[in-house]
Protein backbone atom coordinates (compact mmCIF):
# COMPACT_ATOMS: atom_id res chain seq x y z
CA MET A 1 75.77 45.73 -43.82
CA ALA A 2 73.10 43.37 -44.06
CA ALA A 3 72.94 42.53 -40.55
CA LEU A 4 72.44 46.04 -39.65
CA ARG A 5 69.92 46.40 -42.20
CA ARG A 6 67.93 43.55 -40.24
CA TRP A 7 68.63 45.39 -36.80
CA SER A 8 67.14 48.55 -38.40
CA LEU A 9 64.11 46.49 -39.64
CA TRP A 10 63.45 44.51 -36.53
CA LEU A 11 63.65 47.94 -34.42
CA GLN A 12 61.08 49.52 -36.62
CA GLY A 13 59.16 46.41 -36.28
CA LEU A 14 59.39 46.45 -32.62
CA ALA A 15 58.02 50.25 -32.66
CA LEU A 16 54.79 49.31 -34.92
CA VAL A 17 54.31 46.47 -32.19
CA TRP A 18 54.29 49.09 -29.71
CA GLY A 19 51.62 51.35 -30.85
CA ARG A 20 53.19 53.29 -33.63
CA ASP A 21 51.03 53.81 -36.58
CA GLY A 22 53.91 53.53 -38.48
CA THR A 23 54.62 57.14 -40.36
CA GLY A 24 58.02 57.15 -41.46
CA LEU A 25 58.08 53.16 -42.54
CA VAL A 26 55.65 53.61 -45.53
CA HIS A 27 56.47 56.30 -48.23
CA SER A 28 54.09 56.67 -50.91
CA THR A 29 54.24 58.79 -53.89
CA THR A 30 52.16 61.63 -52.68
CA THR A 31 53.44 62.28 -49.20
CA ALA A 32 56.23 64.63 -49.01
CA PRO A 33 59.88 63.06 -48.06
CA PRO A 34 60.85 62.63 -44.55
CA ARG A 35 62.25 65.55 -42.78
CA ALA A 36 65.81 65.94 -40.85
CA CYS A 37 65.56 64.65 -37.24
CA SER A 38 67.14 67.41 -36.49
CA GLU A 39 64.21 69.64 -37.31
CA PHE A 40 62.48 68.16 -34.46
CA SER A 41 64.65 69.53 -31.82
CA GLN A 42 63.58 71.55 -29.16
CA ARG A 43 59.83 70.34 -29.96
CA SER A 44 57.85 67.14 -28.45
CA CYS A 45 59.30 63.99 -27.91
CA GLU A 46 55.95 62.53 -30.12
CA ASP A 47 56.89 64.78 -32.98
CA CYS A 48 60.43 63.78 -33.12
CA LEU A 49 59.21 59.74 -32.82
CA ASN A 50 57.01 60.00 -35.75
CA ASN A 51 59.99 59.42 -37.90
CA VAL A 52 61.38 55.67 -36.73
CA SER A 53 64.71 56.74 -37.67
CA CYS A 54 64.69 59.30 -34.87
CA LEU A 55 66.04 59.33 -31.42
CA TRP A 56 64.89 61.75 -28.57
CA CYS A 57 67.44 62.45 -25.69
CA TYR A 58 65.61 64.08 -22.97
CA THR A 59 68.65 65.57 -21.14
CA ASN A 60 68.54 68.47 -23.77
CA ASN A 61 65.58 68.03 -25.80
CA THR A 62 66.86 67.08 -29.14
CA CYS A 63 66.21 65.05 -31.80
CA ILE A 64 68.88 63.13 -33.32
CA ASP A 65 69.34 60.53 -36.00
CA TYR A 66 69.29 57.05 -34.34
CA PRO A 67 73.03 55.75 -34.97
CA VAL A 68 72.22 52.47 -37.05
CA ARG A 69 76.02 51.57 -37.30
CA SER A 70 75.73 50.57 -33.67
CA ILE A 71 72.77 48.73 -32.11
CA LEU A 72 72.62 50.81 -29.17
CA PRO A 73 73.34 54.55 -29.18
CA PRO A 74 76.43 55.60 -27.58
CA SER A 75 76.30 57.29 -24.11
CA SER A 76 78.25 60.46 -25.93
CA LEU A 77 75.10 61.08 -27.85
CA CYS A 78 72.45 60.21 -25.19
CA SER A 79 72.39 58.50 -21.94
CA LEU A 80 70.50 55.09 -22.40
CA SER A 81 67.94 56.37 -19.31
CA ASN A 82 67.37 59.41 -21.14
CA ALA A 83 67.19 58.12 -24.64
CA ARG A 84 63.68 57.40 -25.97
CA TRP A 85 63.03 55.28 -29.04
CA GLY A 86 59.72 54.21 -30.57
CA VAL A 87 57.51 55.50 -27.58
CA CYS A 88 58.11 58.17 -25.55
CA TRP A 89 56.90 56.61 -22.52
CA ILE A 90 59.57 53.87 -21.71
CA ASN A 91 63.46 54.64 -21.71
CA PHE A 92 66.05 53.05 -24.01
CA GLU A 93 67.29 51.19 -20.57
CA ALA A 94 63.93 49.85 -19.85
CA LEU A 95 63.06 48.97 -23.20
CA ILE A 96 66.30 46.78 -23.47
CA ILE A 97 65.80 44.93 -20.33
CA ALA A 98 61.88 44.44 -21.50
CA ILE A 99 63.21 42.80 -24.55
CA ALA A 100 66.02 40.79 -22.96
CA VAL A 101 63.27 39.56 -20.55
CA VAL A 102 60.69 38.54 -23.47
CA ALA A 103 63.51 37.04 -25.02
CA GLY A 104 64.51 34.83 -22.08
CA LEU A 105 60.99 33.89 -21.18
CA ILE A 106 60.95 33.09 -24.91
CA LEU A 107 64.28 30.77 -24.77
CA VAL A 108 62.98 29.27 -21.21
CA SER A 109 59.83 28.21 -22.73
CA VAL A 110 61.12 26.61 -25.79
CA ALA A 111 63.62 24.96 -23.58
CA VAL A 112 61.00 23.57 -21.55
CA CYS A 113 59.04 22.35 -24.17
CA CYS A 114 61.73 20.54 -25.75
CA CYS A 115 62.50 19.00 -22.68
CA TYR A 116 58.87 18.06 -21.91
CA CYS A 117 58.27 16.40 -25.14
CA CYS A 118 61.86 14.75 -25.10
CA TYR A 119 60.65 13.18 -21.48
CA CYS A 120 57.24 12.56 -22.80
CA ARG A 121 58.34 10.57 -26.07
CA ARG A 122 61.01 9.03 -24.24
CA ARG A 123 58.39 7.51 -21.78
CA SER A 124 55.95 6.79 -24.24
CA ARG A 125 58.35 4.82 -25.95
CA SER A 126 59.09 2.67 -22.49
CA ARG A 127 55.59 2.47 -21.55
CA PRO A 128 55.04 -0.33 -24.47
CA ASP A 129 57.82 -2.49 -22.99
CA GLU A 130 56.42 -1.92 -19.15
CA GLU A 131 52.88 -2.79 -20.82
CA GLU A 132 53.94 -6.32 -22.67
CA GLU A 133 56.15 -7.14 -19.35
CA ARG A 134 53.03 -6.66 -17.23
CA LEU A 135 50.81 -8.64 -19.39
CA ALA A 136 53.55 -11.29 -19.55
CA ARG A 137 53.51 -11.42 -15.75
CA LYS A 138 49.76 -11.75 -15.85
CA ARG A 139 49.52 -14.38 -18.74
CA GLU A 140 52.21 -16.31 -16.79
CA GLU A 141 50.13 -16.31 -13.31
CA ARG A 142 47.19 -17.40 -14.98
CA ARG A 143 48.91 -20.33 -16.77
CA LEU A 144 50.47 -21.11 -13.39
CA GLN A 145 46.88 -21.05 -12.00
CA SER A 146 45.47 -23.24 -14.73
CA LEU A 147 47.98 -25.81 -13.97
CA GLN A 148 47.60 -25.79 -10.28
CA ARG A 149 43.81 -26.77 -10.76
CA LYS A 150 44.56 -29.20 -13.46
CA HIS A 151 46.63 -30.78 -10.89
CA GLU A 152 43.75 -30.35 -8.18
CA ARG A 153 41.29 -31.74 -10.62
CA LYS A 154 43.36 -35.05 -11.33
CA LEU A 155 44.17 -35.57 -7.62
CA LYS A 156 40.43 -35.37 -6.97
CA HIS A 157 39.56 -37.76 -9.68
CA ASP A 158 42.08 -40.06 -8.63
CA GLU A 159 40.69 -39.97 -5.16
CA ILE A 160 37.18 -40.88 -6.96
CA ARG A 161 38.34 -43.56 -8.82
CA LYS A 162 40.25 -44.91 -5.86
CA LYS A 163 37.34 -44.92 -3.65
CA TYR A 164 35.30 -46.82 -6.38
CA GLY A 165 37.88 -49.09 -7.38
CA LEU A 166 38.52 -47.88 -10.88
CA LEU A 167 41.99 -46.45 -10.22
CA GLN A 168 44.53 -48.73 -12.24
CA ASP A 169 47.62 -50.18 -10.68
CA SER A 170 50.65 -47.74 -11.16
CA ASP A 171 53.06 -50.62 -11.51
CA ASN A 172 50.86 -52.68 -14.40
CA PRO A 173 48.57 -50.03 -16.30
CA TYR A 174 47.78 -52.75 -18.75
CA SER A 175 45.95 -54.79 -16.58
CA ARG A 176 42.60 -56.49 -17.18
CA PHE A 177 39.57 -54.79 -15.50
CA GLU A 178 37.90 -57.30 -13.58
CA ASN A 179 34.03 -57.39 -12.81
CA GLU A 180 32.91 -59.21 -9.57
């Protein structure tokens, strides 16, 4: 029973969103009680649909109580293509299709947002690893370049020492330096 009330309230809210003025939803103590839907038969669709609990059927121009026990009105009451609820310019079939399309778009957009957020989160988690790896590679390259330059400097200094006779003998590094 609570589910039926929820559906009824949801459908009433949908009617308000689609431009209804909401008469029939709010009952104040100064207004008359709502009239039965059958009183609006053989009149206009707008008169019938001023009451949210009414359903207009174009096949025989009747205004009937909306069957709240079933979500959709049965075809024995009125075919969906000829039934109007909420507004007169859209039939029940188109209303159902429009609601389904909007609900589908909302679900797809939520799913896309969730997937996108998960992908970005996973990507941002892996990015520091890649960044650290790149920095480690650069650090290692700089270290190797530094060692290479150090080795080249040592070779150059050894050549200069050898040229001026300052290079010590590698066999006996403790030999005495002699002045001539």
